[in-house]
Amino acid sequence: MLRWLLALVLVPLVPLLQKRIDAQLGAYRAQEEVLYLWSGQHVRRLVPGFEGLAADVYWLRTVQYYGGQRLFARDKKFELLLPLIEITTTLDPRLVIAYKYGATFLCESPPEGAGRCDLGIKVLEKGVAVMPENWRLRQDLGFFHFVFLRDPQRSAEILMEASKLPGAAFWLQNLAAMVLAKGGQRESSRAIWRQIHDQSDGPMKENALQHIEVLDAYDAADALQSLVQTVEQRTGRRPETLDELRSAGLIGRPPVDGSGAPFLYDRQSGTVRVAPQSKLWRPDL
């Protein structure tokens, strides 16, 4: 009876007390996160038969922890991200979303994420080891190598591995070739496009041929720029136009790309580029 009387007296005071706390600490006070068990195996032994349910609970906690740190914490440390992901994926090793988004949370640069892409890559590698047949996880691993580690060669290798798995998307080889091209490795990219061209028919064959022509155009622009530098070294001056290279016998045809569009030449800087008006121009090359 006494407990109910105290409740009736104290409950109306709760809003007033919370209002005073908010006034002193701000509208939001980040709750201190505590992780009592840091090992997935320890947690697994505590929930025999309910590992899947426990994995879902831990994954929800992971997402809440990441969101709370990102949106509200003043000192964003993300220290519990990796152990939470480790526990989740140990409880349910085939929970694909935990590998994919867990790696994203770890790889994103501060303050949006932990800035630990080395750990994020390990999370994805763990998923690939558990589910070697899952081409989507390999695709993510290849994508992360390109975006976060700036390693187009390794990225393309992983994407090509993914393309060979049963049921893999047909465009993975294309993605590998484009990653190499964006990373400046045009010859490796061209080799993949040639392979696609030789093994395909119809639209895919035409698409591969167009990508080869794009790479050829950018290589041709680089070659012309190199000739401009050669003329400058020999004569002490840059050519007024690219046609001077032809007049000097350095090139045998008009300075145009494979689509017939003239290359852009900036005499002041000596640079030669594929013209934006050309069908072979790409903004990311």
Protein backbone atom coordinates (compact mmCIF):
# COMPACT_ATOMS: atom_id res chain seq x y z
CA MET A 1 0.00 0.00 0.00
CA LEU A 2 2.82 2.35 0.90
CA ARG A 3 4.54 1.62 -2.46
CA TRP A 4 1.41 2.65 -4.39
CA LEU A 5 1.09 5.86 -2.38
CA LEU A 6 4.72 6.77 -3.12
CA ALA A 7 4.12 6.09 -6.81
CA LEU A 8 1.10 8.38 -6.87
CA VAL A 9 3.17 11.15 -5.27
CA LEU A 10 6.38 10.73 -7.31
CA VAL A 11 5.07 9.99 -10.82
CA PRO A 12 3.79 13.56 -11.41
CA LEU A 13 7.26 14.83 -10.47
CA VAL A 14 9.04 12.83 -13.21
CA PRO A 15 8.35 15.30 -16.08
CA LEU A 16 9.52 18.22 -13.95
CA LEU A 17 12.70 16.39 -12.97
CA GLN A 18 13.43 15.36 -16.59
CA LYS A 19 12.87 18.92 -17.77
CA ARG A 20 15.44 20.16 -15.27
CA ILE A 21 17.96 17.49 -16.36
CA ASP A 22 17.44 18.40 -20.04
CA ALA A 23 17.99 22.07 -19.26
CA GLN A 24 21.34 21.27 -17.67
CA LEU A 25 22.59 18.56 -20.05
CA GLY A 26 20.88 19.50 -23.30
CA ALA A 27 17.98 17.94 -25.16
CA TYR A 28 19.84 14.68 -25.59
CA ARG A 29 22.21 12.86 -23.29
CA ALA A 30 24.06 10.01 -24.97
CA GLN A 31 23.78 6.85 -22.96
CA GLU A 32 27.09 5.31 -22.00
CA GLU A 33 27.41 2.01 -23.86
CA VAL A 34 28.81 -0.92 -21.93
CA LEU A 35 29.72 -4.30 -23.38
CA TYR A 36 30.11 -6.97 -20.72
CA LEU A 37 30.88 -9.86 -23.08
CA TRP A 38 33.40 -9.18 -25.86
CA SER A 39 33.53 -12.67 -27.35
CA GLY A 40 30.97 -14.12 -29.69
CA GLN A 41 31.80 -17.61 -28.49
CA HIS A 42 31.04 -16.64 -24.88
CA VAL A 43 27.65 -15.23 -25.88
CA ARG A 44 26.97 -18.29 -28.02
CA ARG A 45 27.42 -20.60 -25.04
CA LEU A 46 24.87 -18.59 -23.07
CA VAL A 47 22.07 -18.92 -25.65
CA PRO A 48 22.11 -22.51 -26.96
CA GLY A 49 19.33 -22.98 -29.48
CA PHE A 50 18.62 -19.26 -29.73
CA GLU A 51 21.73 -18.14 -31.60
CA GLY A 52 19.76 -16.67 -34.51
CA LEU A 53 17.51 -14.63 -32.24
CA ALA A 54 20.47 -13.42 -30.21
CA ALA A 55 22.26 -12.43 -33.44
CA ASP A 56 19.27 -10.29 -34.45
CA VAL A 57 19.28 -8.63 -31.02
CA TYR A 58 22.99 -7.90 -31.19
CA TRP A 59 22.68 -6.58 -34.74
CA LEU A 60 19.92 -4.20 -33.65
CA ARG A 61 22.17 -3.06 -30.84
CA THR A 62 25.01 -2.55 -33.34
CA VAL A 63 22.84 -0.33 -35.53
CA GLN A 64 21.55 1.62 -32.53
CA TYR A 65 25.07 2.09 -31.21
CA TYR A 66 26.36 3.31 -34.57
CA GLY A 67 23.41 5.67 -35.06
CA GLY A 68 23.68 7.06 -31.54
CA GLN A 69 27.40 7.70 -31.86
CA ARG A 70 27.07 9.26 -35.30
CA LEU A 71 24.14 11.53 -34.53
CA PHE A 72 24.48 12.45 -30.89
CA ALA A 73 27.85 11.63 -29.34
CA ARG A 74 30.25 14.54 -29.00
CA ASP A 75 33.33 12.32 -28.88
CA LYS A 76 32.65 9.79 -31.64
CA LYS A 77 34.87 6.79 -30.93
CA PHE A 78 32.88 3.80 -32.26
CA GLU A 79 34.99 1.55 -30.01
CA LEU A 80 32.29 -1.09 -29.62
CA LEU A 81 31.52 -1.49 -33.32
CA LEU A 82 33.97 -4.29 -34.07
CA PRO A 83 33.16 -6.44 -31.00
CA LEU A 84 29.43 -6.01 -31.60
CA ILE A 85 29.84 -7.08 -35.24
CA GLU A 86 32.06 -9.97 -34.19
CA ILE A 87 29.49 -11.22 -31.69
CA THR A 88 26.66 -10.85 -34.22
CA THR A 89 28.46 -12.76 -36.99
CA THR A 90 29.64 -15.46 -34.60
CA LEU A 91 26.08 -16.05 -33.41
CA ASP A 92 24.80 -16.12 -37.00
CA PRO A 93 27.70 -16.56 -39.46
CA ARG A 94 25.35 -16.25 -42.45
CA LEU A 95 23.81 -12.90 -41.52
CA VAL A 96 24.91 -11.12 -44.69
CA ILE A 97 23.62 -7.69 -43.67
CA ALA A 98 25.94 -7.65 -40.64
CA TYR A 99 29.02 -8.11 -42.83
CA LYS A 100 27.94 -5.62 -45.47
CA TYR A 101 26.79 -2.75 -43.28
CA GLY A 102 29.11 -3.55 -40.41
CA ALA A 103 32.04 -3.07 -42.81
CA THR A 104 30.47 0.16 -44.04
CA PHE A 105 30.17 1.52 -40.48
CA LEU A 106 33.83 0.71 -39.86
CA CYS A 107 35.16 2.04 -43.18
CA GLU A 108 33.35 5.38 -43.32
CA SER A 109 35.62 8.28 -42.44
CA PRO A 110 35.04 10.18 -39.18
CA PRO A 111 32.71 11.63 -38.05
CA GLU A 112 30.36 9.46 -40.14
CA GLY A 113 32.15 6.25 -39.22
CA ALA A 114 35.08 4.68 -37.42
CA GLY A 115 37.65 5.35 -40.16
CA ARG A 116 39.02 1.81 -39.78
CA CYS A 117 38.68 0.30 -43.21
CA ASP A 118 41.36 -2.26 -42.36
CA LEU A 119 38.90 -3.72 -39.86
CA GLY A 120 35.98 -3.34 -42.26
CA ILE A 121 37.84 -5.33 -44.92
CA LYS A 122 38.49 -8.09 -42.36
CA VAL A 123 34.77 -8.23 -41.58
CA LEU A 124 33.96 -8.73 -45.27
CA GLU A 125 36.76 -11.28 -45.63
CA LYS A 126 35.22 -13.21 -42.73
CA GLY A 127 31.88 -13.22 -44.54
CA VAL A 128 33.48 -14.38 -47.80
CA ALA A 129 35.27 -17.20 -45.94
CA VAL A 130 31.99 -18.34 -44.35
CA MET A 131 29.96 -17.98 -47.56
CA PRO A 132 32.38 -18.53 -50.47
CA GLU A 133 29.41 -19.04 -52.80
CA ASN A 134 27.99 -15.56 -52.14
CA TRP A 135 29.06 -13.38 -55.06
CA ARG A 136 27.46 -10.27 -53.60
CA LEU A 137 29.79 -10.29 -50.59
CA ARG A 138 32.77 -10.62 -52.94
CA GLN A 139 31.40 -7.74 -54.96
CA ASP A 140 31.26 -5.63 -51.79
CA LEU A 141 34.80 -6.66 -50.88
CA GLY A 142 36.06 -5.64 -54.32
CA PHE A 143 34.14 -2.36 -54.15
CA PHE A 144 35.61 -1.54 -50.73
CA HIS A 145 39.14 -2.21 -51.99
CA PHE A 146 38.58 0.36 -54.71
CA VAL A 147 36.66 3.04 -52.82
CA PHE A 148 38.35 2.93 -49.42
CA LEU A 149 41.80 1.41 -50.06
CA ARG A 150 42.30 2.98 -53.51
CA ASP A 151 43.50 -0.36 -54.88
CA PRO A 152 41.92 -0.86 -58.32
CA GLN A 153 44.08 -3.87 -59.17
CA ARG A 154 43.03 -5.91 -56.13
CA SER A 155 39.47 -4.67 -56.52
CA ALA A 156 39.32 -5.93 -60.10
CA GLU A 157 40.82 -9.28 -59.11
CA ILE A 158 38.12 -9.82 -56.48
CA LEU A 159 35.36 -8.74 -58.86
CA MET A 160 36.63 -11.17 -61.48
CA GLU A 161 36.60 -13.93 -58.84
CA ALA A 162 33.01 -13.02 -58.00
CA SER A 163 32.03 -13.13 -61.69
CA LYS A 164 32.99 -16.84 -61.85
CA LEU A 165 30.65 -17.91 -59.03
CA PRO A 166 27.37 -19.69 -59.90
CA GLY A 167 24.55 -17.22 -60.44
CA ALA A 168 26.85 -14.19 -60.43
CA ALA A 169 25.69 -11.04 -62.21
CA PHE A 170 26.88 -10.80 -65.82
CA TRP A 171 28.09 -7.23 -65.32
CA LEU A 172 30.78 -8.02 -62.73
CA GLN A 173 33.45 -8.32 -65.41
CA ASN A 174 32.34 -4.96 -66.79
CA LEU A 175 32.63 -3.46 -63.32
CA ALA A 176 36.14 -4.87 -62.92
CA ALA A 177 37.19 -3.30 -66.22
CA MET A 178 35.68 0.08 -65.31
CA VAL A 179 37.38 0.02 -61.89
CA LEU A 180 40.75 -0.50 -63.57
CA ALA A 181 40.08 2.30 -66.06
CA LYS A 182 39.10 4.73 -63.30
CA GLY A 183 42.24 3.75 -61.42
CA GLY A 184 44.37 4.66 -64.43
CA GLN A 185 45.20 1.06 -65.36
CA ARG A 186 43.92 1.24 -68.91
CA GLU A 187 45.85 -1.68 -70.36
CA SER A 188 44.50 -4.09 -67.74
CA SER A 189 41.03 -2.67 -68.29
CA ARG A 190 41.40 -3.06 -72.04
CA ALA A 191 42.40 -6.72 -71.61
CA ILE A 192 39.15 -7.47 -69.76
CA TRP A 193 37.05 -5.61 -72.32
CA ARG A 194 38.75 -7.54 -75.12
CA GLN A 195 37.96 -10.79 -73.36
CA ILE A 196 34.31 -9.74 -72.97
CA HIS A 197 34.24 -8.67 -76.62
CA ASP A 198 35.63 -11.98 -77.85
CA GLN A 199 33.28 -14.07 -75.70
CA SER A 200 30.05 -12.12 -76.23
CA ASP A 201 27.52 -11.36 -78.91
CA GLY A 202 25.04 -8.58 -79.61
CA PRO A 203 24.78 -5.60 -77.26
CA MET A 204 27.44 -6.87 -74.85
CA LYS A 205 29.93 -7.20 -77.68
CA GLU A 206 29.13 -3.68 -78.90
CA ASN A 207 29.38 -2.30 -75.37
CA ALA A 208 32.81 -3.87 -74.89
CA LEU A 209 33.98 -2.44 -78.23
CA GLN A 210 32.84 1.05 -77.23
CA HIS A 211 34.77 0.85 -73.97
CA ILE A 212 37.88 -0.23 -75.86
CA GLU A 213 37.48 2.78 -78.17
CA VAL A 214 37.14 5.06 -75.12
CA LEU A 215 40.39 3.72 -73.65
CA ASP A 216 42.10 4.08 -77.03
CA ALA A 217 41.01 7.73 -77.22
CA TYR A 218 42.45 8.56 -73.81
CA ASP A 219 45.68 6.76 -74.63
CA ALA A 220 45.87 8.73 -77.89
CA ALA A 221 45.39 12.01 -75.97
CA ASP A 222 48.26 11.06 -73.67
CA ALA A 223 50.45 10.18 -76.65
CA LEU A 224 49.77 13.56 -78.29
CA GLN A 225 50.57 15.35 -75.03
CA SER A 226 53.86 13.48 -74.87
CA LEU A 227 54.67 14.64 -78.43
CA VAL A 228 53.89 18.23 -77.44
CA GLN A 229 56.42 17.92 -74.61
CA THR A 230 58.97 16.45 -77.03
CA VAL A 231 58.58 19.41 -79.41
CA GLU A 232 58.94 21.84 -76.51
CA GLN A 233 62.14 20.16 -75.35
CA ARG A 234 63.60 20.26 -78.85
CA THR A 235 62.57 23.76 -79.89
CA GLY A 236 61.97 25.61 -76.65
CA ARG A 237 58.36 26.34 -77.59
CA ARG A 238 55.06 24.50 -77.61
CA PRO A 239 53.20 23.94 -80.89
CA GLU A 240 50.53 26.51 -81.61
CA THR A 241 48.10 23.76 -82.62
CA LEU A 242 48.14 19.99 -82.77
CA ASP A 243 48.19 20.21 -86.56
CA GLU A 244 51.82 21.33 -86.26
CA LEU A 245 52.64 17.83 -85.07
CA ARG A 246 51.31 16.49 -88.34
CA SER A 247 53.15 19.09 -90.38
CA ALA A 248 56.36 18.09 -88.59
CA GLY A 249 55.78 14.45 -89.49
CA LEU A 250 55.27 13.37 -85.86
CA ILE A 251 51.77 12.04 -86.52
CA GLY A 252 50.40 10.59 -89.73
CA ARG A 253 46.74 11.59 -89.49
CA PRO A 254 44.58 14.45 -88.19
CA PRO A 255 44.57 14.76 -84.37
CA VAL A 256 41.07 13.37 -83.84
CA ASP A 257 39.79 10.51 -81.70
CA GLY A 258 38.10 7.34 -82.91
CA SER A 259 34.73 9.08 -83.20
CA GLY A 260 36.20 11.81 -85.40
CA ALA A 261 36.09 14.53 -82.72
CA PRO A 262 39.22 16.75 -82.51
CA PHE A 263 41.22 16.54 -79.32
CA LEU A 264 41.27 19.60 -77.07
CA TYR A 265 44.68 21.26 -76.83
CA ASP A 266 45.58 23.89 -74.24
CA ARG A 267 48.78 25.51 -75.46
CA GLN A 268 49.32 27.39 -72.20
CA SER A 269 49.55 24.19 -70.15
CA GLY A 270 50.51 21.83 -72.95
CA THR A 271 47.70 19.40 -72.07
CA VAL A 272 45.72 17.34 -74.57
CA ARG A 273 42.31 15.97 -73.62
CA VAL A 274 39.37 14.13 -75.11
CA ALA A 275 36.77 16.78 -75.93
CA PRO A 276 33.55 16.74 -73.86
CA GLN A 277 31.64 16.91 -77.15
CA SER A 278 33.13 13.58 -78.24
CA LYS A 279 31.13 10.36 -77.99
CA LEU A 280 34.19 8.86 -76.33
CA TRP A 281 34.49 11.41 -73.53
CA ARG A 282 33.92 10.13 -69.99
CA PRO A 283 33.79 12.45 -66.96
CA ASP A 284 35.55 9.97 -64.67
CA LEU A 285 38.57 9.19 -66.85
